[in-house]
Amino acid sequence: MILSRFASLIFVLCLTANVAAQPAAPKVIAFAQDTLKNDFRLAQVNEVRDAVAAHPELSFVYSDAQGQTSLLIRQIEQFIAQKVDVLVLGTNDEQAVVPVVSKAYKAGIPVIVLDRGIKGQDYSTFINSDNVQIGAIGAQFIAEKLKGKGLVLLFEGLQSADVTHLRSQGFLAVMAKYPGLKVIKRTGNYLRKDALLEMEKLLAQGVRVDAIFSESDSMLSGARMALQNQKVDLRKLVSVGCDYTSEARDAIRNGTQTGSVLFPLGGNMAVEVAQKLLAKTAVSRHVVIPVKLVTRDNVEQVSPIF
């Protein structure tokens, strides 16, 4: 009887030790992304994924809303139900997602709003760059290149995204200082195909511009395709994009794009902030990542974002 009880005690102690020795389950970082059809948005997801992979105590899941706000909301609902440990948000609508983001935050899930802001206040950290400055940088460069005279095309992104309005605001504020510059606007939704189609329409109408400021390099690439198809000499056109992708770097090198405003993805920063949130360490409510203009003068010194 004594031996039996002793053996049972040993079994219980060993079982307890084995349970204690089990490693903790990885903390889940979930990225609810607007769309993966956009080069920049896809690269953001990949940067977060790669940053998480360097930390065995973390795991990564993501969703692709395919540009549909209703789907994005449903996917966030699913992450809430799954009780993920951190939610990273890449939205396409600054207002529509506010209720579900608030629901996640009030459920105890730290929320990192990445790149595009929201109208609500229920989030842990907002990571972005100064989008007004981005527009102003592009405008000032173009104004100086054109010596204050000419027709300028502004290619805007998604009209439901705050970054679009902020970049346009910064751009138009500078343009207003130059009465000899006229600005026309078209919407490309941050997509290459949409910008190509809009550029083709302008060319079909006989419109010839002296400069283009595109709120993403993807849109500028689409516009460039349309211009090349019409045998327009791109080296005589002042064209500035935003993001600074590898494609933009190559175009700047060969003279078919004049410049690009570097706009960091923010994925690495999101994972750094997520780790602090998981560790219950204080984080800044707003993290701003610096931007800069890239031209032929410094193209070899600046690494593209993807």
Foldseek 3Di string as FASTA:
>chain_A
DVVVVVVVVVVVVVVVVVVVPDDDAAAEEEELAQACLQVLRVLLLVLLQVLQVVPPSHHYYYDGQRNDQVSSLVVLVVCLVVVHQEYEYHDLAQEPNQVSLLVSLVSVHAYEYEAFHHPDDRHQAYEFAQLLVQLQVLQVVVCVVVVLAWEEEEEFARPRTPSRVSSVNSNVVSNVVRPRYHYDYDYQNSALQSLLVVLLVCVVVVDDTQEYEYAAVSSVNSNLVNCVVVVHDLLRHAYEYEQFAPVVLVCLQVRNYFKYKHTASCSNVVVVVSVCVVVVHRDDRYHHDYIGMDHPVCSVPDDGND
